């Protein structure tokens, strides 16, 4: 009697199954790698934002303290896992307020130039510096 011819033998089915499994594993591995990479990138982006906010908080606190006490020279403020180091330099009329925000491995600096005359504080410039 004649045997029916099949297009795929049993050995070929196993090889085909292995090839499909390898392709599936490669696709899943690539997807997992992309998710992990995006997660790490998002975390670093959030840390950079937190660092800038810490530096700005230090500046705002320094300006408020200068309004209350013209002899204020700075301080270290610890907030939410990070810190802002505020320093005030200059003479009685023109002052520079520098705030260095640190959060994790990130550090950002904001510098403000002000004039303080007759209890009136005027901001001349507000900039982030490298």
Protein backbone atom coordinates (compact mmCIF):
# COMPACT_ATOMS: atom_id res chain seq x y z
CA UNK A 1 0.00 0.00 0.00
CA UNK A 2 0.93 3.51 -0.51
CA UNK A 3 1.81 5.73 2.31
CA UNK A 4 0.48 9.25 2.46
CA UNK A 5 3.15 11.82 1.90
CA UNK A 6 3.34 14.58 4.48
CA UNK A 7 5.03 17.84 3.84
CA UNK A 8 6.66 18.01 7.23
CA UNK A 9 8.31 15.10 8.92
CA UNK A 10 8.41 14.76 12.69
CA UNK A 11 12.00 15.94 12.88
CA UNK A 12 11.21 19.02 10.83
CA UNK A 13 8.33 19.87 13.17
CA UNK A 14 10.69 19.87 16.14
CA UNK A 15 13.18 22.12 14.34
CA UNK A 16 10.39 24.49 13.33
CA UNK A 17 9.10 24.61 16.92
CA UNK A 18 12.61 25.42 18.21
CA UNK A 19 13.06 28.21 15.64
CA UNK A 20 9.68 29.76 16.54
CA UNK A 21 10.52 29.48 20.26
CA UNK A 22 13.86 31.24 19.79
CA UNK A 23 12.23 34.04 17.78
CA UNK A 24 9.57 34.46 20.47
CA UNK A 25 12.23 34.60 23.22
CA UNK A 26 14.20 37.23 21.29
CA UNK A 27 11.08 39.40 20.93
CA UNK A 28 10.20 39.06 24.61
CA UNK A 29 13.79 39.83 25.67
CA UNK A 30 13.84 42.96 23.49
CA UNK A 31 10.54 44.15 24.98
CA UNK A 32 11.76 43.59 28.55
CA UNK A 33 15.02 45.43 27.78
CA UNK A 34 13.10 48.39 26.38
CA UNK A 35 10.84 48.56 29.44
CA UNK A 36 13.81 48.46 31.83
CA UNK A 37 15.72 51.10 29.85
CA UNK A 38 12.71 53.44 29.84
CA UNK A 39 12.20 52.89 33.55
CA UNK A 40 15.79 53.84 34.35
CA UNK A 41 15.58 56.88 32.05
CA UNK A 42 12.37 58.04 33.71
CA UNK A 43 13.92 57.68 37.14
CA UNK A 44 16.93 59.79 36.16
CA UNK A 45 14.67 62.42 34.58
CA UNK A 46 12.63 62.65 37.79
CA UNK A 47 15.82 62.98 39.86
CA UNK A 48 16.94 65.87 37.65
CA UNK A 49 13.59 67.60 38.13
CA UNK A 50 13.76 67.07 41.91
CA UNK A 51 17.28 68.52 41.97
CA UNK A 52 16.20 71.69 40.15
CA UNK A 53 13.22 72.09 42.48
CA UNK A 54 15.52 71.74 45.50
CA UNK A 55 17.83 74.43 44.12
CA UNK A 56 14.89 76.76 43.47
CA UNK A 57 13.50 76.10 46.95
CA UNK A 58 16.87 77.08 48.38
CA UNK A 59 16.84 80.34 46.41
CA UNK A 60 13.29 81.19 47.48
CA UNK A 61 14.10 80.41 51.11
CA UNK A 62 17.26 82.52 50.90
CA UNK A 63 15.39 85.50 49.47
CA UNK A 64 12.74 85.25 52.16
CA UNK A 65 15.40 85.07 54.88
CA UNK A 66 17.20 88.08 53.39
CA UNK A 67 13.99 90.09 53.61
CA UNK A 68 13.72 89.22 57.29
CA UNK A 69 17.43 89.55 58.09
CA UNK A 70 19.74 91.56 55.79
CA UNK A 71 22.76 89.86 57.43
CA UNK A 72 21.66 86.35 56.42
CA UNK A 73 24.62 84.46 54.94
CA UNK A 74 23.16 81.07 54.01
CA UNK A 75 22.39 77.59 55.29
CA UNK A 76 21.90 73.95 54.32
CA UNK A 77 18.31 72.81 53.85
CA UNK A 78 17.44 69.09 53.81
CA UNK A 79 14.24 68.27 51.91
CA UNK A 80 12.79 65.02 50.60
CA UNK A 81 15.97 62.99 50.37
CA UNK A 82 18.03 65.84 48.92
CA UNK A 83 19.56 69.08 50.07
CA UNK A 84 20.05 72.67 49.03
CA UNK A 85 23.11 74.62 50.16
CA UNK A 86 22.39 78.35 50.09
CA UNK A 87 25.18 80.94 50.24
CA UNK A 88 24.84 84.72 50.16
CA UNK A 89 27.75 86.94 49.16
CA UNK A 90 28.16 90.62 48.39
CA UNK A 91 27.83 93.93 50.15
CA UNK A 92 24.87 95.57 51.86
CA UNK A 93 23.39 96.81 48.56
CA UNK A 94 24.26 94.17 45.93
CA UNK A 95 24.13 90.50 46.83
CA UNK A 96 24.47 87.18 45.06
CA UNK A 97 22.42 84.24 46.30
CA UNK A 98 23.65 80.81 45.17
CA UNK A 99 21.71 77.62 45.78
CA UNK A 100 23.22 74.21 45.01
CA UNK A 101 20.57 71.50 44.93
CA UNK A 102 21.74 67.90 45.35
CA UNK A 103 19.56 64.83 44.89
CA UNK A 104 21.15 61.42 44.42
CA UNK A 105 24.00 61.81 41.92
CA UNK A 106 22.55 65.01 40.45
CA UNK A 107 23.55 68.58 41.27
CA UNK A 108 22.09 71.83 39.91
CA UNK A 109 23.04 75.40 40.71
CA UNK A 110 20.89 78.50 40.56
CA UNK A 111 22.30 81.99 41.05
CA UNK A 112 20.31 85.14 41.71
CA UNK A 113 21.67 88.68 41.63
CA UNK A 114 19.71 91.10 43.86
CA UNK A 115 19.79 94.62 45.19
CA UNK A 116 18.55 95.29 48.68
CA UNK A 117 17.85 98.94 49.47
CA UNK A 118 15.48 100.43 52.08
CA UNK A 119 13.89 97.05 52.78
CA UNK A 120 13.11 96.59 49.08
CA UNK A 121 14.58 93.48 47.48
CA UNK A 122 14.88 93.62 43.69
CA UNK A 123 15.89 90.59 41.62
CA UNK A 124 18.24 91.63 38.82
CA UNK A 125 18.83 88.15 37.36
CA UNK A 126 17.82 84.54 38.04
CA UNK A 127 19.74 81.86 36.15
CA UNK A 128 20.87 78.28 36.30
CA UNK A 129 24.63 78.00 36.07
CA UNK A 130 26.77 75.01 35.04
